[in-house]
Protein backbone atom coordinates (compact mmCIF):
# COMPACT_ATOMS: atom_id res chain seq x y z
CA UNK A 1 -16.00 -54.23 -1.90
CA UNK A 2 -13.98 -52.87 -4.86
CA UNK A 3 -12.59 -49.24 -4.52
CA UNK A 4 -11.66 -47.12 -6.86
CA UNK A 5 -8.39 -47.39 -5.65
CA UNK A 6 -8.18 -51.06 -6.09
CA UNK A 7 -8.89 -50.85 -9.19
CA UNK A 8 -5.43 -48.89 -9.43
CA UNK A 9 -2.39 -50.48 -10.96
CA UNK A 10 0.46 -50.83 -8.48
CA UNK A 11 2.34 -47.95 -10.10
CA UNK A 12 -0.45 -45.56 -9.70
CA UNK A 13 -0.85 -46.84 -6.25
CA UNK A 14 2.41 -45.56 -5.30
CA UNK A 15 1.86 -42.87 -7.14
CA UNK A 16 -1.04 -41.40 -5.19
CA UNK A 17 0.51 -43.11 -1.91
CA UNK A 18 2.85 -41.02 -2.34
CA UNK A 19 0.92 -37.68 -3.05
CA UNK A 20 -1.43 -37.94 0.11
CA UNK A 21 2.26 -38.19 2.19
CA UNK A 22 3.23 -35.47 0.55
CA UNK A 23 -0.27 -34.06 0.88
CA UNK A 24 -0.21 -34.53 4.34
CA UNK A 25 2.75 -33.31 5.24
CA UNK A 26 1.76 -29.53 3.67
CA UNK A 27 -1.03 -29.92 5.58
CA UNK A 28 0.97 -30.53 9.06
CA UNK A 29 2.88 -27.69 8.40
CA UNK A 30 -0.27 -25.06 7.87
CA UNK A 31 -1.87 -26.27 10.14
CA UNK A 32 0.59 -27.28 13.04
CA UNK A 33 1.94 -23.95 13.62
CA UNK A 34 -1.47 -22.33 13.91
CA UNK A 35 -1.89 -24.61 17.13
CA UNK A 36 1.12 -23.54 18.30
CA UNK A 37 0.42 -20.30 18.19
CA UNK A 38 -3.06 -20.33 19.71
CA UNK A 39 -2.05 -22.37 22.59
CA UNK A 40 1.51 -20.82 23.28
CA UNK A 41 -0.27 -17.51 23.48
CA UNK A 42 -2.52 -18.73 26.88
CA UNK A 43 0.64 -20.41 29.14
CA UNK A 44 2.97 -18.87 30.89
CA UNK A 45 5.69 -17.58 29.52
CA UNK A 46 7.52 -18.59 32.20
CA UNK A 47 6.22 -22.05 31.76
CA UNK A 48 6.60 -21.47 28.08
CA UNK A 49 10.22 -21.33 27.91
CA UNK A 50 11.12 -23.97 29.64
CA UNK A 51 8.85 -26.51 29.44
CA UNK A 52 7.02 -25.72 25.92
CA UNK A 53 3.53 -26.08 25.52
CA UNK A 54 1.63 -27.87 28.63
CA UNK A 55 -1.99 -28.44 28.73
CA UNK A 56 -2.47 -27.76 32.85
CA UNK A 57 -4.79 -25.41 33.35
CA UNK A 58 -2.99 -23.92 36.39
CA UNK A 59 -0.03 -22.40 34.15
CA UNK A 60 -2.16 -20.45 31.73
CA UNK A 61 -2.44 -16.59 32.39
CA UNK A 62 -5.40 -14.36 29.77
CA UNK A 63 -2.34 -11.34 30.51
CA UNK A 64 -1.67 -10.89 26.84
CA UNK A 65 -4.63 -11.00 25.78
CA UNK A 66 -5.73 -8.35 29.30
CA UNK A 67 -2.73 -6.03 27.73
CA UNK A 68 -3.82 -5.84 24.78
CA UNK A 69 -8.10 -5.63 24.98
CA UNK A 70 -7.45 -2.63 27.28
CA UNK A 71 -4.69 -0.81 24.79
CA UNK A 72 -7.70 1.62 23.27
CA UNK A 73 -4.97 2.23 20.35
CA UNK A 74 -5.95 -1.69 19.74
CA UNK A 75 -9.88 -0.96 19.24
CA UNK A 76 -7.89 2.61 17.21
CA UNK A 77 -6.57 0.74 15.36
CA UNK A 78 -8.63 -2.23 14.31
CA UNK A 79 -11.52 0.16 13.64
CA UNK A 80 -8.84 1.96 11.27
CA UNK A 81 -7.87 -1.11 9.58
CA UNK A 82 -11.68 -2.32 9.11
CA UNK A 83 -12.60 0.43 7.26
CA UNK A 84 -9.38 0.62 4.95
CA UNK A 85 -9.58 -2.63 4.48
CA UNK A 86 -13.80 -2.31 3.28
CA UNK A 87 -12.49 0.51 1.92
CA UNK A 88 -9.49 -0.38 -0.62
CA UNK A 89 -11.19 -3.69 -1.37
CA UNK A 90 -14.22 -1.60 -2.52
CA UNK A 91 -12.41 1.20 -4.89
CA UNK A 92 -9.89 -2.01 -6.29
CA UNK A 93 -12.67 -4.54 -6.85
CA UNK A 94 -14.18 -1.02 -8.93
CA UNK A 95 -11.56 -0.05 -11.19
CA UNK A 96 -10.47 -3.61 -11.45
CA UNK A 97 -13.62 -4.34 -13.83
CA UNK A 98 -13.42 -1.44 -15.23
CA UNK A 99 -10.19 -1.58 -16.93
CA UNK A 100 -10.89 -5.39 -16.74
CA UNK A 101 -13.30 -5.07 -19.35
CA UNK A 102 -12.62 -2.83 -21.93
CA UNK A 103 -9.04 -5.07 -22.35
CA UNK A 104 -11.66 -8.23 -22.58
CA UNK A 105 -12.98 -7.00 -25.79
CA UNK A 106 -11.98 -8.22 -29.40
CA UNK A 107 -12.76 -4.70 -31.34
CA UNK A 108 -11.37 -2.30 -28.26
CA UNK A 109 -8.74 -0.62 -30.22
CA UNK A 110 -5.49 -0.15 -28.19
CA UNK A 111 -5.85 -3.38 -26.84
CA UNK A 112 -2.22 -4.26 -27.50
CA UNK A 113 -0.44 -1.08 -25.93
CA UNK A 114 -2.17 -0.64 -23.45
CA UNK A 115 -1.64 -4.56 -22.20
CA UNK A 116 2.24 -3.31 -22.51
CA UNK A 117 2.04 -0.39 -20.79
CA UNK A 118 0.31 -2.80 -17.71
CA UNK A 119 2.60 -5.37 -18.33
CA UNK A 120 5.89 -2.97 -17.23
CA UNK A 121 4.41 -1.91 -14.37
CA UNK A 122 3.84 -5.32 -12.54
CA UNK A 123 8.24 -5.81 -13.18
CA UNK A 124 9.47 -1.54 -12.62
CA UNK A 125 8.28 0.50 -9.90
CA UNK A 126 9.38 3.84 -9.39
CA UNK A 127 10.13 3.12 -6.35
CA UNK A 128 9.79 4.66 -2.41
CA UNK A 129 11.47 7.80 -2.16
CA UNK A 130 9.76 8.69 -6.05
CA UNK A 131 6.73 7.49 -4.74
CA UNK A 132 6.12 9.14 -1.27
CA UNK A 133 7.22 12.42 -3.44
CA UNK A 134 4.41 11.79 -5.91
CA UNK A 135 1.62 11.51 -2.62
CA UNK A 136 3.44 14.58 -1.24
CA UNK A 137 2.53 16.57 -3.82
CA UNK A 138 -0.23 15.16 -4.25
CA UNK A 139 -1.91 16.30 -0.68
CA UNK A 140 -1.97 13.18 0.47
CA UNK A 141 -0.03 12.62 3.78
CA UNK A 142 -1.00 11.70 6.72
CA UNK A 143 -4.75 10.90 5.10
CA UNK A 144 -6.11 7.97 4.23
CA UNK A 145 -6.09 8.44 0.30
CA UNK A 146 -2.36 7.73 1.18
CA UNK A 147 -2.74 4.44 1.97
CA UNK A 148 -6.18 3.69 -0.50
CA UNK A 149 -5.02 5.71 -3.59
CA UNK A 150 -1.63 4.08 -4.44
CA UNK A 151 -1.88 0.05 -4.67
CA UNK A 152 -5.76 0.15 -5.61
CA UNK A 153 -5.47 -0.84 -9.43
CA UNK A 154 -3.76 -4.91 -9.47
CA UNK A 155 -2.80 -5.82 -13.15
CA UNK A 156 -2.41 -9.73 -12.06
CA UNK A 157 -6.23 -9.09 -10.73
CA UNK A 158 -7.10 -7.16 -13.90
CA UNK A 159 -5.67 -10.14 -15.97
CA UNK A 160 -7.47 -12.27 -13.97
CA UNK A 161 -10.93 -10.85 -14.68
CA UNK A 162 -10.37 -9.91 -18.10
CA UNK A 163 -10.07 -13.81 -18.38
CA UNK A 164 -12.76 -14.39 -16.63
CA UNK A 165 -14.82 -11.77 -19.58
CA UNK A 166 -13.38 -13.37 -21.78
CA UNK A 167 -14.68 -17.48 -20.77
CA UNK A 168 -18.41 -15.86 -21.28
CA UNK A 169 -19.75 -16.41 -24.66
CA UNK A 170 -20.27 -13.53 -26.78
CA UNK A 171 -24.28 -14.52 -27.27
CA UNK A 172 -24.95 -13.14 -24.53
CA UNK A 173 -23.91 -9.22 -25.93
CA UNK A 174 -25.87 -10.05 -29.00
CA UNK A 175 -28.65 -11.03 -27.45
CA UNK A 176 -29.10 -8.02 -24.90
CA UNK A 177 -28.47 -5.70 -27.88
CA UNK A 178 -31.05 -7.21 -29.78
CA UNK A 179 -33.09 -6.24 -26.20
CA UNK A 180 -31.74 -3.20 -26.78
CA UNK A 181 -30.07 -2.84 -23.90
CA UNK A 182 -26.63 -0.39 -24.15
CA UNK A 183 -22.88 -0.84 -22.94
CA UNK A 184 -23.64 0.04 -19.65
CA UNK A 185 -27.06 -1.92 -19.58
CA UNK A 186 -25.11 -4.80 -20.36
CA UNK A 187 -21.73 -4.63 -18.42
CA UNK A 188 -24.11 -3.73 -14.66
CA UNK A 189 -27.45 -5.72 -15.20
CA UNK A 190 -26.19 -9.11 -17.22
CA UNK A 191 -22.01 -9.66 -17.08
CA UNK A 192 -21.56 -8.37 -13.29
CA UNK A 193 -24.16 -10.97 -11.39
CA UNK A 194 -22.16 -13.89 -13.54
CA UNK A 195 -18.98 -12.82 -12.35
CA UNK A 196 -19.89 -13.23 -8.37
CA UNK A 197 -16.91 -15.92 -8.55
CA UNK A 198 -14.08 -13.63 -9.57
CA UNK A 199 -15.39 -10.91 -8.25
CA UNK A 200 -15.72 -12.52 -4.57
CA UNK A 201 -11.99 -14.25 -4.85
CA UNK A 202 -10.75 -10.74 -5.83
CA UNK A 203 -12.11 -8.77 -3.28
CA UNK A 204 -10.61 -11.45 -0.62
CA UNK A 205 -7.34 -11.08 -1.82
CA UNK A 206 -7.75 -7.19 -1.75
CA UNK A 207 -9.00 -7.16 1.25
CA UNK A 208 -6.50 -9.85 3.57
CA UNK A 209 -3.94 -7.77 1.56
CA UNK A 210 -5.35 -4.69 2.93
CA UNK A 211 -5.78 -6.12 6.36
CA UNK A 212 -2.30 -7.41 6.25
CA UNK A 213 -0.65 -4.50 5.68
CA UNK A 214 1.12 -1.92 7.50
CA UNK A 215 4.37 -0.30 5.88
CA UNK A 216 2.36 2.06 3.76
CA UNK A 217 0.74 3.19 6.55
CA UNK A 218 3.75 3.46 8.61
CA UNK A 219 5.66 5.36 6.03
CA UNK A 220 2.58 8.02 4.93
CA UNK A 221 0.75 8.45 7.82
CA UNK A 222 1.60 10.06 11.30
CA UNK A 223 -1.53 10.57 12.92
CA UNK A 224 -1.71 7.75 15.06
CA UNK A 225 -5.36 8.48 15.37
CA UNK A 226 -5.11 6.86 11.90
CA UNK A 227 -2.75 3.57 11.96
CA UNK A 228 -4.41 0.32 11.31
CA UNK A 229 -4.23 -2.26 13.76
CA UNK A 230 -1.44 -3.85 12.42
CA UNK A 231 1.44 -0.75 12.94
CA UNK A 232 -0.22 -0.36 16.24
CA UNK A 233 0.28 -4.17 16.83
CA UNK A 234 4.19 -3.46 15.15
CA UNK A 235 4.39 -0.50 18.61
CA UNK A 236 2.98 -2.79 21.08
CA UNK A 237 6.15 -5.13 20.42
CA UNK A 238 8.41 -3.24 19.81
CA UNK A 239 7.32 -1.32 23.10
CA UNK A 240 7.63 -4.54 24.81
CA UNK A 241 11.11 -5.49 23.67
CA UNK A 242 14.16 -5.09 26.22
CA UNK A 243 15.58 -1.84 25.88
CA UNK A 244 19.35 -1.17 25.62
CA UNK A 245 19.48 0.84 28.14
CA UNK A 246 17.98 -1.92 30.28
CA UNK A 247 20.98 -4.70 30.02
CA UNK A 248 22.52 -4.45 33.34
CA UNK A 249 18.71 -4.65 35.13
CA UNK A 250 18.72 -8.51 33.80
CA UNK A 251 15.06 -9.42 35.75
CA UNK A 252 13.36 -6.62 34.24
CA UNK A 253 15.25 -7.70 31.04
CA UNK A 254 14.34 -11.25 31.41
CA UNK A 255 10.15 -9.97 32.35
CA UNK A 256 9.84 -7.83 29.73
CA UNK A 257 11.41 -10.73 27.02
CA UNK A 258 8.95 -12.71 27.98
CA UNK A 259 5.64 -10.47 28.31
CA UNK A 260 7.00 -9.50 25.02
CA UNK A 261 6.99 -13.50 23.84
CA UNK A 262 3.90 -14.08 25.44
CA UNK A 263 2.15 -10.94 24.03
CA UNK A 264 3.93 -11.69 19.73
CA UNK A 265 1.39 -15.00 20.06
CA UNK A 266 -1.81 -12.63 21.06
CA UNK A 267 -1.06 -10.38 18.46
CA UNK A 268 -1.25 -12.96 16.16
CA UNK A 269 -4.84 -14.51 17.21
CA UNK A 270 -5.99 -11.13 17.33
CA UNK A 271 -5.27 -9.95 13.97
CA UNK A 272 -6.20 -13.28 12.28
CA UNK A 273 -9.76 -13.42 13.99
CA UNK A 274 -11.76 -11.38 11.07
CA UNK A 275 -9.99 -12.91 8.71
CA UNK A 276 -11.04 -16.26 9.80
CA UNK A 277 -14.89 -15.28 10.14
CA UNK A 278 -14.84 -14.11 6.79
CA UNK A 279 -12.82 -17.08 4.59
CA UNK A 280 -15.54 -18.99 4.85
CA UNK A 281 -18.19 -17.09 3.29
CA UNK A 282 -16.14 -16.44 0.45
CA UNK A 283 -14.04 -19.88 -0.01
CA UNK A 284 -16.72 -20.99 -2.15
CA UNK A 285 -16.06 -18.81 -5.18
CA UNK A 286 -12.70 -19.81 -4.55
CA UNK A 287 -12.14 -22.69 -6.92
CA UNK A 288 -14.37 -21.31 -10.02
CA UNK A 289 -12.50 -17.77 -9.21
CA UNK A 290 -9.45 -18.82 -9.09
CA UNK A 291 -8.86 -21.12 -11.87
CA UNK A 292 -10.06 -18.07 -14.15
CA UNK A 293 -6.41 -17.54 -15.91
CA UNK A 294 -5.80 -21.15 -16.50
CA UNK A 295 -9.10 -20.96 -18.74
CA UNK A 296 -8.03 -18.84 -21.79
CA UNK A 297 -4.81 -16.88 -21.88
């Protein structure tokens, strides 16, 4: 039976084989570390250090997961991270879509000026100290808004959404205007339903970004009850490292170092589970959403 591959010339076959080999290497580079982390999180640290991965289940342990999951601060951090990620996604997507719409309209006066201003912010920022002073002067220190507001507007996402808007035929708006639809009716009832792919894509990006973020929370939040999961897990890892005063106690130092190594893998798995559950529901929108910027500039 003749296949598409058999119809290719010798040079094309060579290029295809080379491309598949490179693709296979990339896939292996992604999958193998994930598999290693999952298995290593269950294996006794001494066995892992001396013999590496093993499928001798007598050498497996749930110590790391027990240590992490019995920590009340973990559950508080998980709740905070979920709240922050959901609220941040809602705020960010709303602001991005509203900002992108006028920038996509050819009749919007001053569009060039605002484009330049937006692009400048992609390359230049005020820095950490001015930003901290601004957050402090606004009275947002140690509040949820210090985590949600500063990064809510992403210029790159706005450009992608604007490009997606521009790819929708203008005849739709003309037809809506003939039927008596106002600008608001057209935007919310006609345009947005057509933008499900780009909305899902931006929402996923922002949710993942906030879920993995810890730096802003570390800088602006002092109350442990407000800390997100990533900051809590970071604290657990740091606390499990050998302290400088314990160098003379080799046995204790070694035990703490081994536990820290085991905790490292378990915390990676715990913090990644929500994203692995969420991603399949958004994956179908990625192809059409992420390629929007390649259609029209």
